[in-house]
Amino acid sequence: MRKKIFGIQQIGIGVHDAKQAWKWYREHFGMDINIFEEKGEASMMLPYTNGKPVKRYAALAMNMEGGGGFEIWQRLEKSKANGANFRIQLGDLGIYIAKIKSRDVAKAFETHKSRGLNILGDLETDPSGNLDYFIQDPYGNTFQVVCEHIAYKKQKSVTGGIAGGIIGVSNIEKARELYSDILQYDEVVYDESAVFKDFRNLHGGDQQCRRVLLKHGAERKGGFSRLFGPSQIELIHVPGKEARKVFENRDWGELGFIHLCFDVKGMSSLKKECESKGFPFTVDSLNGFDMGTAKGHFSYIEDPDGTLIEFVETHKIPIYEKLGLYINVKNRPANKDLPKWLISALAFNRIRK
């Protein structure tokens, strides 16, 4: 079957202590739905782990407001996973800011400010005039809170889940061969070069950069697309900068934003398309994966600068594990949305503390 992209499923976040980090993400970002958590060995990621399998704990957390999830990673074989040995700044190559959605950005800003969180600057506007602000978690990861009025199911949380990412690239036109063509972010919201006011409190934010915000022109349909909702990719290039890769001299699964993951259908068709356009699969689980109670098929490609993009074709996820209730989506029609009542039942997996 032809490829189908349902939306951003999750962003991978490497931390020292996943349980501690998840508690913070629940409290401040509302990421309280437990899709799965599992300890195991990442034996299929050898191209990115020096040829050696690594032990890890992984948990996928979501927010019923909608948006993608946080796949929270902790490498278990190291007492302390490595962060970058240089200060990551605007124009470096890779995912260095995750976008999270909010129906009321001003309210979210005031809430986070009142809690004494590490907000980088003030409430500002992006080049399209929409409110935004930047906030860092206690582990040095930066998030941009952006406006998105569409909510899957309104929650008490002032933010929802992942709405995209800010990705540093060396050549925007080349990067768009992946992001606009294969991943279908084909509509340009803005393409501007300047020193941007809302970037001024980011490391390197005082430099002139080219900033291109992309969105998908067509609404995503099928599967979990209504839960994931609309998303955007923002590509950043700083002319003349000697850019460094965010994961330079580090392994997959260490600290920071590891990958951006898309929920898809038609993996074999997607594989052929990626290969034909110069983005071959570097990892392919082939016979599927088993993340505890979640099952499916995953693969990875690299963007032109080596940033990892993951694809997951979901086969089964738990609805209410205690009663043995699961969603089996492997053979469902690709263009048919999952029933809202069924997706809403994921709330049975809410963690309240």
Protein backbone atom coordinates (compact mmCIF):
# COMPACT_ATOMS: atom_id res chain seq x y z
CA MET A 1 0.00 0.00 0.00
CA ARG A 2 1.03 3.62 -0.46
CA LYS A 3 2.64 5.40 2.46
CA LYS A 4 0.45 7.24 4.91
CA ILE A 5 1.77 9.68 7.53
CA PHE A 6 -0.62 10.14 10.46
CA GLY A 7 1.46 12.72 12.32
CA ILE A 8 4.26 13.17 14.81
CA GLN A 9 4.00 10.27 17.22
CA GLN A 10 6.72 11.41 19.61
CA ILE A 11 10.07 13.05 20.15
CA GLY A 12 12.80 11.07 21.87
CA ILE A 13 14.31 12.76 24.94
CA GLY A 14 17.42 11.32 26.59
CA VAL A 15 17.70 12.05 30.33
CA HIS A 16 19.73 10.81 33.33
CA ASP A 17 16.68 9.80 35.37
CA ALA A 18 13.57 8.98 33.35
CA LYS A 19 11.23 8.58 36.33
CA GLN A 20 12.23 11.97 37.72
CA ALA A 21 11.96 13.65 34.30
CA TRP A 22 8.55 12.12 33.62
CA LYS A 23 7.23 13.46 36.91
CA TRP A 24 8.35 16.96 35.88
CA TYR A 25 6.76 16.58 32.41
CA ARG A 26 3.50 15.42 34.00
CA GLU A 27 3.37 18.35 36.39
CA HIS A 28 4.28 21.13 33.97
CA PHE A 29 3.37 19.86 30.49
CA GLY A 30 0.50 17.48 31.33
CA MET A 31 2.24 14.43 29.81
CA ASP A 32 0.38 12.00 32.07
CA ILE A 33 -0.88 9.22 29.78
CA ASN A 34 1.27 6.09 29.99
CA ILE A 35 1.29 4.43 26.57
CA PHE A 36 4.08 2.05 27.50
CA GLU A 37 7.16 1.74 29.66
CA GLU A 38 9.77 -0.96 29.32
CA LYS A 39 13.30 -1.96 30.24
CA GLY A 40 15.27 -3.87 27.64
CA GLU A 41 18.14 -3.95 25.21
CA ALA A 42 18.25 -1.79 22.09
CA SER A 43 19.82 -4.46 19.91
CA MET A 44 18.75 -2.98 16.56
CA MET A 45 20.37 0.43 16.96
CA LEU A 46 23.93 -0.83 16.49
CA PRO A 47 24.78 1.71 13.72
CA TYR A 48 24.38 4.43 16.36
CA THR A 49 25.75 2.66 19.46
CA ASN A 50 29.26 1.75 18.32
CA GLY A 51 28.12 -1.70 17.25
CA LYS A 52 27.16 -2.70 20.79
CA PRO A 53 23.61 -3.22 22.10
CA VAL A 54 22.70 -0.91 24.97
CA LYS A 55 20.38 -1.43 27.90
CA ARG A 56 17.76 1.21 28.34
CA TYR A 57 14.49 2.18 29.98
CA ALA A 58 11.92 3.81 27.72
CA ALA A 59 8.49 5.29 28.42
CA LEU A 60 6.04 6.91 26.00
CA ALA A 61 3.95 9.63 27.63
CA MET A 62 1.15 11.59 25.98
CA ASN A 63 -1.34 14.37 26.75
CA MET A 64 -5.04 14.02 25.88
CA GLU A 65 -5.05 17.67 24.72
CA GLY A 66 -3.41 16.16 21.65
CA GLY A 67 -0.06 16.41 19.95
CA GLY A 68 2.79 13.95 19.85
CA GLY A 69 4.25 12.25 22.89
CA PHE A 70 7.52 12.29 24.79
CA GLU A 71 9.52 9.08 24.45
CA ILE A 72 11.62 9.41 27.58
CA TRP A 73 14.89 7.46 27.43
CA GLN A 74 17.39 6.50 30.06
CA ARG A 75 20.47 4.48 29.16
CA LEU A 76 20.98 1.95 31.93
CA GLU A 77 24.49 0.73 31.21
CA LYS A 78 26.04 4.11 31.99
CA SER A 79 25.92 5.79 35.38
CA LYS A 80 25.87 9.09 33.52
CA ALA A 81 24.98 9.42 29.86
CA ASN A 82 26.84 12.11 27.95
CA GLY A 83 25.59 15.53 27.03
CA ALA A 84 27.21 17.65 24.34
CA ASN A 85 30.74 18.75 25.27
CA PHE A 86 30.08 22.17 23.75
CA ARG A 87 27.32 24.72 24.19
CA ILE A 88 24.63 23.99 21.61
CA GLN A 89 23.45 27.16 19.94
CA LEU A 90 21.28 28.46 17.14
CA GLY A 91 22.50 27.18 13.80
CA ASP A 92 24.01 23.92 15.05
CA LEU A 93 22.79 20.82 13.24
CA GLY A 94 20.01 18.71 14.65
CA ILE A 95 16.92 18.96 16.83
CA TYR A 96 17.61 21.45 19.58
CA ILE A 97 14.14 22.77 20.38
CA ALA A 98 10.85 20.85 20.63
CA LYS A 99 7.60 22.66 19.93
CA ILE A 100 4.66 22.01 22.27
CA LYS A 101 1.14 23.21 21.66
CA SER A 102 -1.10 25.42 23.77
CA ARG A 103 -4.62 26.72 23.22
CA ASP A 104 -3.74 29.81 25.29
CA VAL A 105 -0.05 30.68 25.06
CA ALA A 106 -0.40 33.77 27.30
CA LYS A 107 -2.06 31.71 30.05
CA ALA A 108 0.58 28.99 29.73
CA PHE A 109 3.32 31.64 30.01
CA GLU A 110 1.82 33.16 33.17
CA THR A 111 1.31 29.71 34.71
CA HIS A 112 4.87 28.59 34.05
CA LYS A 113 6.23 31.96 35.19
CA SER A 114 4.26 31.77 38.46
CA ARG A 115 5.79 28.34 39.13
CA GLY A 116 9.29 29.79 38.84
CA LEU A 117 10.23 27.68 35.82
CA ASN A 118 13.20 28.53 33.61
CA ILE A 119 11.59 30.71 30.95
CA LEU A 120 14.08 32.07 28.42
CA GLY A 121 12.98 35.68 28.00
CA ASP A 122 9.46 37.04 27.70
CA LEU A 123 6.25 36.29 25.87
CA GLU A 124 6.99 37.21 22.25
CA THR A 125 5.63 36.70 18.74
CA ASP A 126 7.09 34.66 15.89
CA PRO A 127 7.42 36.11 12.36
CA SER A 128 3.80 35.18 11.58
CA GLY A 129 2.55 37.19 14.57
CA ASN A 130 1.62 34.25 16.79
CA LEU A 131 2.54 34.29 20.48
CA ASP A 132 5.37 32.05 21.62
CA TYR A 133 7.93 31.63 24.39
CA PHE A 134 10.82 29.32 25.23
CA ILE A 135 11.22 27.29 28.39
CA GLN A 136 13.91 24.89 29.60
CA ASP A 137 13.32 21.76 31.64
CA PRO A 138 15.69 21.00 34.55
CA TYR A 139 17.81 18.85 32.20
CA GLY A 140 18.74 21.58 29.74
CA ASN A 141 16.20 20.72 27.01
CA THR A 142 14.50 23.72 25.41
CA PHE A 143 10.82 23.81 24.40
CA GLN A 144 8.96 26.44 22.39
CA VAL A 145 5.32 26.86 23.40
CA VAL A 146 3.31 27.66 20.26
CA CYS A 147 -0.31 28.48 19.54
CA GLU A 148 -2.59 25.65 18.43
CA HIS A 149 -6.32 26.08 18.98
CA ILE A 150 -7.24 22.52 18.00
CA ALA A 151 -7.44 20.25 21.05
CA TYR A 152 -8.27 16.57 20.93
CA LYS A 153 -9.83 16.66 24.39
CA LYS A 154 -9.48 19.72 26.64
CA GLN A 155 -7.46 19.09 29.80
CA LYS A 156 -6.48 21.09 32.89
CA SER A 157 -2.92 21.28 31.54
CA VAL A 158 -1.96 24.64 30.01
CA THR A 159 -0.05 22.85 27.23
CA GLY A 160 -0.56 19.84 25.04
CA GLY A 161 1.93 17.52 23.41
CA ILE A 162 4.50 17.84 20.66
CA ALA A 163 3.61 20.15 17.78
CA GLY A 164 6.89 19.87 15.87
CA GLY A 165 10.50 20.87 16.24
CA ILE A 166 13.17 23.44 15.41
CA ILE A 167 15.94 21.77 13.42
CA GLY A 168 19.29 23.22 12.44
CA VAL A 169 20.37 22.45 8.88
CA SER A 170 23.30 23.34 6.64
CA ASN A 171 21.18 23.80 3.50
CA ILE A 172 17.45 24.55 3.73
CA GLU A 173 16.65 23.67 0.12
CA LYS A 174 18.37 20.29 0.47
CA ALA A 175 16.64 19.63 3.81
CA ARG A 176 13.26 20.34 2.25
CA GLU A 177 13.76 17.35 -0.07
CA LEU A 178 13.02 15.32 3.04
CA TYR A 179 10.82 17.55 5.18
CA SER A 180 8.62 19.04 2.43
CA ASP A 181 8.62 16.17 -0.05
CA ILE A 182 8.73 12.87 1.85
CA LEU A 183 7.30 14.14 5.15
CA GLN A 184 4.79 16.40 3.35
CA TYR A 185 5.45 19.69 5.16
CA ASP A 186 4.80 21.35 1.83
CA GLU A 187 3.41 24.75 2.84
CA VAL A 188 5.69 27.65 3.81
CA VAL A 189 4.26 29.77 6.63
CA TYR A 190 7.24 32.15 6.54
CA ASP A 191 10.75 32.30 5.15
CA GLU A 192 12.64 35.21 6.68
CA SER A 193 16.21 36.22 7.45
CA ALA A 194 16.87 38.55 10.39
CA VAL A 195 17.94 38.74 14.01
CA PHE A 196 14.68 37.62 15.61
CA LYS A 197 13.36 39.14 18.83
CA ASP A 198 11.85 35.90 20.13
CA PHE A 199 15.21 34.12 19.65
CA ARG A 200 17.27 36.70 21.51
CA ASN A 201 17.51 34.73 24.78
CA LEU A 202 18.59 31.50 23.07
CA HIS A 203 22.30 30.66 22.85
CA GLY A 204 23.40 32.21 19.56
CA GLY A 205 20.08 34.01 19.20
CA ASP A 206 21.79 37.33 18.55
CA GLN A 207 22.95 36.10 15.12
CA GLN A 208 21.19 36.71 11.85
CA CYS A 209 19.64 33.48 10.65
CA ARG A 210 17.27 32.21 8.01
CA ARG A 211 14.12 30.81 9.52
CA VAL A 212 11.64 28.72 7.49
CA LEU A 213 8.45 27.46 9.11
CA LEU A 214 6.74 24.59 7.30
CA LYS A 215 3.36 22.98 7.83
CA HIS A 216 1.45 20.25 6.03
CA GLY A 217 -1.11 21.78 3.69
CA ALA A 218 -3.37 18.75 3.72
CA GLU A 219 -5.02 17.59 6.94
CA ARG A 220 -3.66 14.27 8.18
CA LYS A 221 -6.28 11.50 8.05
CA GLY A 222 -6.54 8.03 9.52
CA GLY A 223 -5.26 6.13 12.54
CA PHE A 224 -4.32 8.39 15.47
CA SER A 225 -4.13 11.53 13.30
CA ARG A 226 -6.87 13.35 15.24
CA LEU A 227 -4.96 12.81 18.49
CA PHE A 228 -1.63 13.93 16.99
CA GLY A 229 -3.21 16.98 15.32
CA PRO A 230 -1.47 19.54 13.08
CA SER A 231 2.30 19.94 13.36
CA GLN A 232 5.10 22.06 11.96
CA ILE A 233 8.80 21.87 11.23
CA GLU A 234 11.01 24.95 11.51
CA LEU A 235 14.35 24.86 9.70
CA ILE A 236 17.15 27.16 10.84
CA HIS A 237 20.33 28.10 8.99
CA VAL A 238 22.95 30.58 10.19
CA PRO A 239 25.06 31.72 7.21
CA GLY A 240 28.81 31.61 7.79
CA LYS A 241 28.53 29.70 11.06
CA GLU A 242 30.84 26.75 11.65
CA ALA A 243 27.97 24.51 12.70
CA ARG A 244 28.42 21.43 14.87
CA LYS A 245 26.17 18.40 15.08
CA VAL A 246 24.10 18.32 18.26
CA PHE A 247 25.02 14.64 18.73
CA GLU A 248 28.63 15.02 17.63
CA ASN A 249 30.81 12.23 19.12
CA ARG A 250 27.86 10.86 21.08
CA ASP A 251 25.67 7.78 20.76
CA TRP A 252 21.97 7.47 20.11
CA GLY A 253 20.00 7.58 23.35
CA GLU A 254 22.28 9.97 25.21
CA LEU A 255 21.14 13.33 26.56
CA GLY A 256 18.95 15.67 24.56
CA PHE A 257 16.50 15.36 21.68
CA ILE A 258 17.37 12.00 20.10
CA HIS A 259 14.95 11.77 17.18
CA LEU A 260 11.64 12.95 15.76
CA CYS A 261 9.23 10.07 15.18
CA PHE A 262 6.32 9.82 12.72
CA ASP A 263 3.40 7.40 12.94
CA VAL A 264 2.99 5.82 9.51
CA LYS A 265 1.28 3.12 7.48
CA GLY A 266 2.79 1.41 4.44
CA MET A 267 6.37 1.01 5.64
CA SER A 268 7.52 -0.93 2.57
CA SER A 269 6.26 1.80 0.23
CA LEU A 270 7.89 4.45 2.41
CA LYS A 271 11.17 2.53 2.35
CA LYS A 272 11.20 2.47 -1.47
CA GLU A 273 10.41 6.19 -1.67
CA CYS A 274 13.11 7.12 0.84
CA GLU A 275 15.71 5.00 -0.98
CA SER A 276 14.79 6.46 -4.37
CA LYS A 277 15.22 10.00 -3.03
CA GLY A 278 18.55 9.42 -1.31
CA PHE A 279 17.38 8.75 2.25
CA PRO A 280 17.83 4.99 2.76
CA PHE A 281 16.72 3.25 5.94
CA THR A 282 19.72 2.98 8.26
CA VAL A 283 17.79 0.85 10.78
CA ASP A 284 14.83 -1.39 10.00
CA SER A 285 13.22 -3.64 12.58
CA LEU A 286 11.85 -5.80 9.71
CA ASN A 287 9.95 -8.37 11.76
CA GLY A 288 8.67 -5.76 14.17
CA PHE A 289 9.37 -4.63 17.72
CA ASP A 290 7.92 -5.40 21.11
CA MET A 291 8.08 -2.55 23.65
CA GLY A 292 6.44 -4.38 26.51
CA THR A 293 2.73 -4.00 25.72
CA ALA A 294 3.20 -2.02 22.49
CA LYS A 295 4.07 -3.69 19.20
CA GLY A 296 4.87 -2.50 15.68
CA HIS A 297 7.55 -1.95 13.05
CA PHE A 298 10.11 0.86 13.24
CA SER A 299 12.82 2.28 11.00
CA TYR A 300 15.21 5.23 10.89
CA ILE A 301 16.56 7.55 8.23
CA GLU A 302 18.89 10.55 8.47
CA ASP A 303 18.24 14.03 7.15
CA PRO A 304 21.06 15.56 5.01
CA ASP A 305 22.91 16.60 8.19
CA GLY A 306 22.52 13.29 10.02
CA THR A 307 19.52 14.19 12.20
CA LEU A 308 17.57 11.04 13.02
CA ILE A 309 13.99 10.66 11.82
CA GLU A 310 12.11 7.60 13.02
CA PHE A 311 9.06 5.93 11.45
CA VAL A 312 6.76 3.66 13.44
CA GLU A 313 4.00 1.53 11.98
CA THR A 314 1.92 0.76 15.05
CA HIS A 315 0.37 -2.70 15.34
CA LYS A 316 -0.90 -2.82 18.91
CA ILE A 317 -1.00 -0.53 21.96
CA PRO A 318 -2.64 -1.01 25.37
CA ILE A 319 -5.93 0.69 26.21
CA TYR A 320 -6.30 -0.69 29.72
CA GLU A 321 -3.57 -3.15 30.44
CA LYS A 322 -5.02 -4.35 33.77
CA LEU A 323 -8.04 -5.75 31.91
CA GLY A 324 -6.02 -6.90 28.90
CA LEU A 325 -7.62 -4.34 26.56
CA TYR A 326 -5.58 -3.34 23.50
CA ILE A 327 -6.02 -1.49 20.21
CA ASN A 328 -4.99 -3.73 17.32
CA VAL A 329 -4.53 -1.38 14.37
CA LYS A 330 -2.40 -3.53 12.09
CA ASN A 331 -5.16 -4.42 9.65
CA ARG A 332 -7.35 -1.33 9.94
CA PRO A 333 -7.97 0.73 6.77
CA ALA A 334 -5.28 3.41 6.51
CA ASN A 335 -7.72 6.26 5.73
CA LYS A 336 -10.13 5.48 8.56
CA ASP A 337 -9.72 7.42 11.81
CA LEU A 338 -9.81 5.40 14.98
CA PRO A 339 -13.09 6.01 16.86
CA LYS A 340 -12.87 8.89 19.30
CA TRP A 341 -14.23 6.80 22.17
CA LEU A 342 -11.46 4.27 21.61
CA ILE A 343 -8.66 6.84 21.63
CA SER A 344 -10.23 8.59 24.62
CA ALA A 345 -10.00 5.28 26.50
CA LEU A 346 -6.23 5.85 26.64
CA ALA A 347 -7.08 8.08 29.62
CA PHE A 348 -7.45 4.86 31.67
CA ASN A 349 -3.64 4.84 31.63
CA ARG A 350 -3.31 8.25 33.28
CA ILE A 351 -0.64 8.61 35.99
CA ARG A 352 -1.86 11.06 38.62
CA LYS A 353 1.26 11.55 40.73
